[in-house]
PDB file of all heavy atoms in Angstrom:
ATOM      1  N   GLU A   1      34.725  17.085 -29.013  1.00  0.00           N
ATOM      2  CA  GLU A   1      35.543  16.012 -29.481  1.00  0.00           C
ATOM      3  C   GLU A   1      35.368  15.798 -31.094  1.00  0.00           C
ATOM      4  O   GLU A   1      36.244  15.099 -31.618  1.00  0.00           O
ATOM      5  CB  GLU A   1      35.185  14.757 -28.809  1.00  0.00           C
ATOM      6  CG  GLU A   1      35.311  14.644 -27.285  1.00  0.00           C
ATOM      7  CD  GLU A   1      34.860  13.448 -26.600  1.00  0.00           C
ATOM      8  OE1 GLU A   1      34.268  12.647 -27.360  1.00  0.00           O
ATOM      9  OE2 GLU A   1      35.023  13.278 -25.414  1.00  0.00           O
ATOM     10  N   VAL A   2      34.420  16.597 -31.571  1.00  0.00           N
ATOM     11  CA  VAL A   2      34.299  16.526 -32.940  1.00  0.00           C
ATOM     12  C   VAL A   2      34.995  17.515 -33.670  1.00  0.00           C
ATOM     13  O   VAL A   2      34.773  18.762 -33.774  1.00  0.00           O
ATOM     14  CB  VAL A   2      32.775  16.755 -33.523  1.00  0.00           C
ATOM     15  CG1 VAL A   2      32.575  16.587 -34.913  1.00  0.00           C
ATOM     16  CG2 VAL A   2      32.016  15.637 -32.697  1.00  0.00           C
ATOM     17  N   LYS A   3      36.245  17.262 -34.230  1.00  0.00           N
ATOM     18  CA  LYS A   3      37.328  18.186 -34.705  1.00  0.00           C
ATOM     19  C   LYS A   3      37.457  18.162 -36.222  1.00  0.00           C
ATOM     20  O   LYS A   3      38.493  18.317 -36.772  1.00  0.00           O
ATOM     21  CB  LYS A   3      38.543  17.929 -33.920  1.00  0.00           C
ATOM     22  CG  LYS A   3      38.469  18.133 -32.383  1.00  0.00           C
ATOM     23  CD  LYS A   3      39.826  17.967 -31.707  1.00  0.00           C
ATOM     24  CE  LYS A   3      39.517  18.094 -30.179  1.00  0.00           C
ATOM     25  NZ  LYS A   3      40.799  17.814 -29.488  1.00  0.00           N
ATOM     26  N   VAL A   4      36.348  17.837 -36.923  1.00  0.00           N
ATOM     27  CA  VAL A   4      36.418  17.902 -38.450  1.00  0.00           C
ATOM     28  C   VAL A   4      35.324  18.877 -38.810  1.00  0.00           C
ATOM     29  O   VAL A   4      34.387  19.213 -38.114  1.00  0.00           O
ATOM     30  CB  VAL A   4      36.117  16.508 -38.989  1.00  0.00           C
ATOM     31  CG1 VAL A   4      36.997  15.420 -38.565  1.00  0.00           C
ATOM     32  CG2 VAL A   4      34.649  16.069 -38.741  1.00  0.00           C
ATOM     33  N   PRO A   5      35.594  19.589 -40.032  1.00  0.00           N
ATOM     34  CA  PRO A   5      34.562  20.532 -40.437  1.00  0.00           C
ATOM     35  C   PRO A   5      33.142  19.890 -40.572  1.00  0.00           C
ATOM     36  O   PRO A   5      33.014  18.809 -41.129  1.00  0.00           O
ATOM     37  CB  PRO A   5      35.266  20.897 -41.770  1.00  0.00           C
ATOM     38  CG  PRO A   5      36.671  20.614 -41.781  1.00  0.00           C
ATOM     39  CD  PRO A   5      36.761  19.433 -40.943  1.00  0.00           C
ATOM     40  N   THR A   6      32.225  20.653 -40.042  1.00  0.00           N
ATOM     41  CA  THR A   6      30.913  20.013 -39.881  1.00  0.00           C
ATOM     42  C   THR A   6      29.725  21.015 -40.302  1.00  0.00           C
ATOM     43  O   THR A   6      29.955  22.273 -39.927  1.00  0.00           O
ATOM     44  CB  THR A   6      30.676  19.699 -38.403  1.00  0.00           C
ATOM     45  OG1 THR A   6      31.550  18.757 -37.942  1.00  0.00           O
ATOM     46  CG2 THR A   6      29.277  19.088 -38.162  1.00  0.00           C
ATOM     47  N   VAL A   7      28.860  20.475 -41.144  1.00  0.00           N
ATOM     48  CA  VAL A   7      27.722  21.301 -41.519  1.00  0.00           C
ATOM     49  C   VAL A   7      26.559  20.745 -40.760  1.00  0.00           C
ATOM     50  O   VAL A   7      26.271  19.434 -40.691  1.00  0.00           O
ATOM     51  CB  VAL A   7      27.413  21.091 -43.062  1.00  0.00           C
ATOM     52  CG1 VAL A   7      26.065  21.794 -43.308  1.00  0.00           C
ATOM     53  CG2 VAL A   7      28.493  21.763 -43.861  1.00  0.00           C
ATOM     54  N   VAL A   8      25.744  21.584 -40.024  1.00  0.00           N
ATOM     55  CA  VAL A   8      24.611  21.070 -39.239  1.00  0.00           C
ATOM     56  C   VAL A   8      23.300  21.588 -39.897  1.00  0.00           C
ATOM     57  O   VAL A   8      23.233  22.707 -40.329  1.00  0.00           O
ATOM     58  CB  VAL A   8      24.708  21.651 -37.818  1.00  0.00           C
ATOM     59  CG1 VAL A   8      23.450  21.293 -37.010  1.00  0.00           C
ATOM     60  CG2 VAL A   8      26.019  21.187 -37.184  1.00  0.00           C
ATOM     61  N   VAL A   9      22.387  20.697 -39.961  1.00  0.00           N
ATOM     62  CA  VAL A   9      21.013  20.996 -40.607  1.00  0.00           C
ATOM     63  C   VAL A   9      19.976  20.736 -39.595  1.00  0.00           C
ATOM     64  O   VAL A   9      19.750  19.728 -39.080  1.00  0.00           O
ATOM     65  CB  VAL A   9      20.832  20.261 -41.942  1.00  0.00           C
ATOM     66  CG1 VAL A   9      19.465  20.667 -42.540  1.00  0.00           C
ATOM     67  CG2 VAL A   9      21.917  20.444 -42.967  1.00  0.00           C
ATOM     68  N   ALA A  10      19.199  21.794 -39.221  1.00  0.00           N
ATOM     69  CA  ALA A  10      18.027  21.718 -38.258  1.00  0.00           C
ATOM     70  C   ALA A  10      16.747  22.005 -39.063  1.00  0.00           C
ATOM     71  O   ALA A  10      16.678  22.801 -40.003  1.00  0.00           O
ATOM     72  CB  ALA A  10      18.305  22.575 -37.175  1.00  0.00           C
ATOM     73  N   VAL A  11      15.646  21.530 -38.481  1.00  0.00           N
ATOM     74  CA  VAL A  11      14.342  21.747 -39.021  1.00  0.00           C
ATOM     75  C   VAL A  11      13.459  22.400 -37.987  1.00  0.00           C
ATOM     76  O   VAL A  11      13.308  21.881 -36.913  1.00  0.00           O
ATOM     77  CB  VAL A  11      13.688  20.490 -39.546  1.00  0.00           C
ATOM     78  CG1 VAL A  11      12.319  20.801 -40.146  1.00  0.00           C
ATOM     79  CG2 VAL A  11      14.563  19.801 -40.723  1.00  0.00           C
ATOM     80  N   GLU A  12      12.889  23.444 -38.367  1.00  0.00           N
ATOM     81  CA  GLU A  12      12.215  24.348 -37.310  1.00  0.00           C
ATOM     82  C   GLU A  12      11.116  23.473 -36.656  1.00  0.00           C
ATOM     83  O   GLU A  12      10.781  23.615 -35.473  1.00  0.00           O
ATOM     84  CB  GLU A  12      11.619  25.645 -37.962  1.00  0.00           C
ATOM     85  CG  GLU A  12      10.737  26.508 -37.190  1.00  0.00           C
ATOM     86  CD  GLU A  12      11.523  27.168 -36.135  1.00  0.00           C
ATOM     87  OE1 GLU A  12      12.715  27.567 -36.399  1.00  0.00           O
ATOM     88  OE2 GLU A  12      11.040  27.426 -34.937  1.00  0.00           O
ATOM     89  N   GLU A  13      10.409  22.699 -37.527  1.00  0.00           N
ATOM     90  CA  GLU A  13       9.150  21.986 -36.922  1.00  0.00           C
ATOM     91  C   GLU A  13       9.584  20.607 -36.351  1.00  0.00           C
ATOM     92  O   GLU A  13       8.657  19.874 -36.126  1.00  0.00           O
ATOM     93  CB  GLU A  13       8.207  21.802 -38.081  1.00  0.00           C
ATOM     94  CG  GLU A  13       7.536  23.129 -38.553  1.00  0.00           C
ATOM     95  CD  GLU A  13       8.320  23.982 -39.537  1.00  0.00           C
ATOM     96  OE1 GLU A  13       9.454  23.388 -39.864  1.00  0.00           O
ATOM     97  OE2 GLU A  13       8.079  25.030 -39.798  1.00  0.00           O
ATOM     98  N   ASP A  14      10.670  20.275 -36.358  1.00  0.00           N
ATOM     99  CA  ASP A  14      11.215  18.937 -35.889  1.00  0.00           C
ATOM    100  C   ASP A  14      10.909  18.742 -34.354  1.00  0.00           C
ATOM    101  O   ASP A  14      11.534  19.585 -33.536  1.00  0.00           O
ATOM    102  CB  ASP A  14      12.657  18.672 -36.134  1.00  0.00           C
ATOM    103  CG  ASP A  14      13.138  17.279 -35.813  1.00  0.00           C
ATOM    104  OD1 ASP A  14      12.493  16.582 -35.230  1.00  0.00           O
ATOM    105  OD2 ASP A  14      14.183  16.930 -36.386  1.00  0.00           O
ATOM    106  N   ARG A  15       9.947  17.958 -33.980  1.00  0.00           N
ATOM    107  CA  ARG A  15       9.689  17.677 -32.598  1.00  0.00           C
ATOM    108  C   ARG A  15      10.667  16.732 -31.872  1.00  0.00           C
ATOM    109  O   ARG A  15      10.521  16.592 -30.632  1.00  0.00           O
ATOM    110  CB  ARG A  15       8.256  17.285 -32.436  1.00  0.00           C
ATOM    111  CG  ARG A  15       7.175  18.269 -32.958  1.00  0.00           C
ATOM    112  CD  ARG A  15       5.830  17.992 -32.425  1.00  0.00           C
ATOM    113  NE  ARG A  15       5.391  16.845 -33.201  1.00  0.00           N
ATOM    114  CZ  ARG A  15       4.188  16.112 -32.777  1.00  0.00           C
ATOM    115  NH1 ARG A  15       3.582  16.548 -31.791  1.00  0.00           N
ATOM    116  NH2 ARG A  15       3.899  15.068 -33.559  1.00  0.00           N
ATOM    117  N   LEU A  16      11.353  16.017 -32.652  1.00  0.00           N
ATOM    118  CA  LEU A  16      12.321  14.970 -31.901  1.00  0.00           C
ATOM    119  C   LEU A  16      13.626  15.628 -31.731  1.00  0.00           C
ATOM    120  O   LEU A  16      14.408  15.280 -30.733  1.00  0.00           O
ATOM    121  CB  LEU A  16      12.424  13.732 -32.854  1.00  0.00           C
ATOM    122  CG  LEU A  16      11.190  12.811 -32.971  1.00  0.00           C
ATOM    123  CD1 LEU A  16      11.559  11.704 -33.887  1.00  0.00           C
ATOM    124  CD2 LEU A  16      10.661  12.365 -31.573  1.00  0.00           C
ATOM    125  N   VAL A  17      14.207  16.328 -32.710  1.00  0.00           N
ATOM    126  CA  VAL A  17      15.480  16.997 -32.476  1.00  0.00           C
ATOM    127  C   VAL A  17      15.260  18.562 -32.640  1.00  0.00           C
ATOM    128  O   VAL A  17      15.347  19.103 -33.846  1.00  0.00           O
ATOM    129  CB  VAL A  17      16.465  16.589 -33.548  1.00  0.00           C
ATOM    130  CG1 VAL A  17      17.882  17.053 -33.254  1.00  0.00           C
ATOM    131  CG2 VAL A  17      16.546  14.937 -33.611  1.00  0.00           C
ATOM    132  N   PRO A  18      14.964  19.239 -31.566  1.00  0.00           N
ATOM    133  CA  PRO A  18      14.687  20.536 -31.624  1.00  0.00           C
ATOM    134  C   PRO A  18      15.650  21.543 -32.135  1.00  0.00           C
ATOM    135  O   PRO A  18      16.853  21.238 -31.942  1.00  0.00           O
ATOM    136  CB  PRO A  18      14.251  20.960 -30.169  1.00  0.00           C
ATOM    137  CG  PRO A  18      13.930  19.713 -29.366  1.00  0.00           C
ATOM    138  CD  PRO A  18      14.822  18.645 -30.183  1.00  0.00           C
ATOM    139  N   ARG A  19      15.233  22.658 -32.861  1.00  0.00           N
ATOM    140  CA  ARG A  19      16.202  23.416 -33.455  1.00  0.00           C
ATOM    141  C   ARG A  19      17.305  23.955 -32.408  1.00  0.00           C
ATOM    142  O   ARG A  19      18.454  24.076 -32.576  1.00  0.00           O
ATOM    143  CB  ARG A  19      15.574  24.642 -33.993  1.00  0.00           C
ATOM    144  CG  ARG A  19      16.442  25.719 -34.536  1.00  0.00           C
ATOM    145  CD  ARG A  19      15.710  27.102 -34.927  1.00  0.00           C
ATOM    146  NE  ARG A  19      15.247  27.762 -33.709  1.00  0.00           N
ATOM    147  CZ  ARG A  19      14.616  28.983 -33.802  1.00  0.00           C
ATOM    148  NH1 ARG A  19      14.537  29.588 -34.897  1.00  0.00           N
ATOM    149  NH2 ARG A  19      14.146  29.503 -32.671  1.00  0.00           N
ATOM    150  N   ALA A  20      16.761  24.309 -31.165  1.00  0.00           N
ATOM    151  CA  ALA A  20      17.694  24.875 -30.178  1.00  0.00           C
ATOM    152  C   ALA A  20      18.821  23.954 -29.776  1.00  0.00           C
ATOM    153  O   ALA A  20      19.969  24.354 -29.606  1.00  0.00           O
ATOM    154  CB  ALA A  20      16.881  25.105 -28.835  1.00  0.00           C
ATOM    155  N   ASP A  21      18.582  22.524 -29.878  1.00  0.00           N
ATOM    156  CA  ASP A  21      19.570  21.680 -29.571  1.00  0.00           C
ATOM    157  C   ASP A  21      20.684  21.633 -30.688  1.00  0.00           C
ATOM    158  O   ASP A  21      21.900  21.463 -30.250  1.00  0.00           O
ATOM    159  CB  ASP A  21      19.097  20.224 -29.495  1.00  0.00           C
ATOM    160  CG  ASP A  21      18.273  19.969 -28.183  1.00  0.00           C
ATOM    161  OD1 ASP A  21      18.050  20.950 -27.503  1.00  0.00           O
ATOM    162  OD2 ASP A  21      17.967  18.772 -27.926  1.00  0.00           O
ATOM    163  N   LEU A  22      20.305  21.793 -31.942  1.00  0.00           N
ATOM    164  CA  LEU A  22      21.303  21.885 -33.005  1.00  0.00           C
ATOM    165  C   LEU A  22      22.020  23.186 -33.093  1.00  0.00           C
ATOM    166  O   LEU A  22      23.110  23.221 -33.569  1.00  0.00           O
ATOM    167  CB  LEU A  22      20.544  21.454 -34.257  1.00  0.00           C
ATOM    168  CG  LEU A  22      19.995  20.146 -34.312  1.00  0.00           C
ATOM    169  CD1 LEU A  22      19.266  19.757 -35.738  1.00  0.00           C
ATOM    170  CD2 LEU A  22      21.101  19.104 -33.901  1.00  0.00           C
ATOM    171  N   VAL A  23      21.328  24.353 -32.725  1.00  0.00           N
ATOM    172  CA  VAL A  23      21.993  25.507 -32.677  1.00  0.00           C
ATOM    173  C   VAL A  23      23.166  25.441 -31.619  1.00  0.00           C
ATOM    174  O   VAL A  23      24.302  25.877 -31.800  1.00  0.00           O
ATOM    175  CB  VAL A  23      21.082  26.661 -32.316  1.00  0.00           C
ATOM    176  CG1 VAL A  23      21.791  27.951 -32.023  1.00  0.00           C
ATOM    177  CG2 VAL A  23      20.048  26.954 -33.460  1.00  0.00           C
ATOM    178  N   ALA A  24      22.814  24.767 -30.397  1.00  0.00           N
ATOM    179  CA  ALA A  24      23.773  24.631 -29.370  1.00  0.00           C
ATOM    180  C   ALA A  24      24.872  23.717 -29.843  1.00  0.00           C
ATOM    181  O   ALA A  24      26.088  23.975 -29.534  1.00  0.00           O
ATOM    182  CB  ALA A  24      23.087  24.060 -28.154  1.00  0.00           C
ATOM    183  N   LEU A  25      24.561  22.688 -30.676  1.00  0.00           N
ATOM    184  CA  LEU A  25      25.708  21.833 -31.224  1.00  0.00           C
ATOM    185  C   LEU A  25      26.672  22.598 -32.136  1.00  0.00           C
ATOM    186  O   LEU A  25      27.793  22.490 -31.941  1.00  0.00           O
ATOM    187  CB  LEU A  25      25.019  20.591 -31.859  1.00  0.00           C
ATOM    188  CG  LEU A  25      25.884  19.722 -32.736  1.00  0.00           C
ATOM    189  CD1 LEU A  25      26.859  18.971 -31.872  1.00  0.00           C
ATOM    190  CD2 LEU A  25      25.153  18.836 -33.713  1.00  0.00           C
ATOM    191  N   ALA A  26      26.003  23.360 -32.930  1.00  0.00           N
ATOM    192  CA  ALA A  26      26.830  24.045 -33.925  1.00  0.00           C
ATOM    193  C   ALA A  26      27.684  25.081 -33.154  1.00  0.00           C
ATOM    194  O   ALA A  26      28.908  25.274 -33.576  1.00  0.00           O
ATOM    195  CB  ALA A  26      25.937  24.822 -34.895  1.00  0.00           C
ATOM    196  N   GLU A  27      27.267  25.661 -32.120  1.00  0.00           N
ATOM    197  CA  GLU A  27      27.974  26.663 -31.426  1.00  0.00           C
ATOM    198  C   GLU A  27      29.125  26.104 -30.582  1.00  0.00           C
ATOM    199  O   GLU A  27      30.266  26.641 -30.346  1.00  0.00           O
ATOM    200  CB  GLU A  27      27.007  27.469 -30.346  1.00  0.00           C
ATOM    201  CG  GLU A  27      26.044  28.302 -31.197  1.00  0.00           C
ATOM    202  CD  GLU A  27      25.207  29.078 -30.230  1.00  0.00           C
ATOM    203  OE1 GLU A  27      25.031  28.544 -29.128  1.00  0.00           O
ATOM    204  OE2 GLU A  27      24.523  30.041 -30.645  1.00  0.00           O
ATOM    205  N   ALA A  28      28.923  24.662 -30.242  1.00  0.00           N
ATOM    206  CA  ALA A  28      29.910  24.182 -29.459  1.00  0.00           C
ATOM    207  C   ALA A  28      30.974  23.324 -30.224  1.00  0.00           C
ATOM    208  O   ALA A  28      32.067  22.947 -29.800  1.00  0.00           O
ATOM    209  CB  ALA A  28      29.293  23.029 -28.516  1.00  0.00           C
ATOM    210  N   LEU A  29      30.642  23.046 -31.527  1.00  0.00           N
ATOM    211  CA  LEU A  29      31.619  22.333 -32.374  1.00  0.00           C
ATOM    212  C   LEU A  29      32.862  23.165 -32.621  1.00  0.00           C
ATOM    213  O   LEU A  29      32.814  24.386 -33.112  1.00  0.00           O
ATOM    214  CB  LEU A  29      31.010  22.009 -33.762  1.00  0.00           C
ATOM    215  CG  LEU A  29      29.860  20.893 -33.683  1.00  0.00           C
ATOM    216  CD1 LEU A  29      29.092  20.823 -34.988  1.00  0.00           C
ATOM    217  CD2 LEU A  29      30.498  19.599 -33.340  1.00  0.00           C
ATOM    218  N   PRO A  30      34.051  22.638 -32.560  1.00  0.00           N
ATOM    219  CA  PRO A  30      35.240  23.411 -32.827  1.00  0.00           C
ATOM    220  C   PRO A  30      35.369  23.860 -34.288  1.00  0.00           C
ATOM    221  O   PRO A  30      35.992  24.985 -34.609  1.00  0.00           O
ATOM    222  CB  PRO A  30      36.448  22.508 -32.516  1.00  0.00           C
ATOM    223  CG  PRO A  30      35.760  21.414 -31.556  1.00  0.00           C
ATOM    224  CD  PRO A  30      34.328  21.328 -32.041  1.00  0.00           C
ATOM    225  N   CYS A  31      34.761  23.053 -35.206  1.00  0.00           N
ATOM    226  CA  CYS A  31      35.077  23.376 -36.678  1.00  0.00           C
ATOM    227  C   CYS A  31      33.701  23.420 -37.436  1.00  0.00           C
ATOM    228  O   CYS A  31      33.640  22.917 -38.544  1.00  0.00           O
ATOM    229  CB  CYS A  31      35.931  22.230 -37.276  1.00  0.00           C
ATOM    230  SG  CYS A  31      37.688  22.074 -36.420  1.00  0.00           S
ATOM    231  N   ALA A  32      32.799  23.992 -36.790  1.00  0.00           N
ATOM    232  CA  ALA A  32      31.454  24.164 -37.511  1.00  0.00           C
ATOM    233  C   ALA A  32      31.675  25.106 -38.778  1.00  0.00           C
ATOM    234  O   ALA A  32      32.200  26.160 -38.646  1.00  0.00           O
ATOM    235  CB  ALA A  32      30.361  24.803 -36.640  1.00  0.00           C
ATOM    236  N   ARG A  33      31.217  24.625 -39.894  1.00  0.00           N
ATOM    237  CA  ARG A  33      31.245  25.332 -41.206  1.00  0.00           C
ATOM    238  C   ARG A  33      30.047  26.058 -41.392  1.00  0.00           C
ATOM    239  O   ARG A  33      30.099  27.226 -41.847  1.00  0.00           O
ATOM    240  CB  ARG A  33      31.459  24.349 -42.383  1.00  0.00           C
ATOM    241  CG  ARG A  33      32.980  23.810 -42.449  1.00  0.00           C
ATOM    242  CD  ARG A  33      32.980  22.950 -43.792  1.00  0.00           C
ATOM    243  NE  ARG A  33      32.454  23.500 -44.736  1.00  0.00           N
ATOM    244  CZ  ARG A  33      32.134  22.964 -46.037  1.00  0.00           C
ATOM    245  NH1 ARG A  33      32.104  21.683 -46.036  1.00  0.00           N
ATOM    246  NH2 ARG A  33      31.595  23.588 -47.003  1.00  0.00           N
TER     247      ARG A  33
END
């Protein structure tokens, strides 16, 4: 549903928002930059 150009930033050591979740987010975004 997010249809605007998007930059995603993940932190390897982040224990609250794991890198894998943000990689999956970026892969699912229609307009990931």
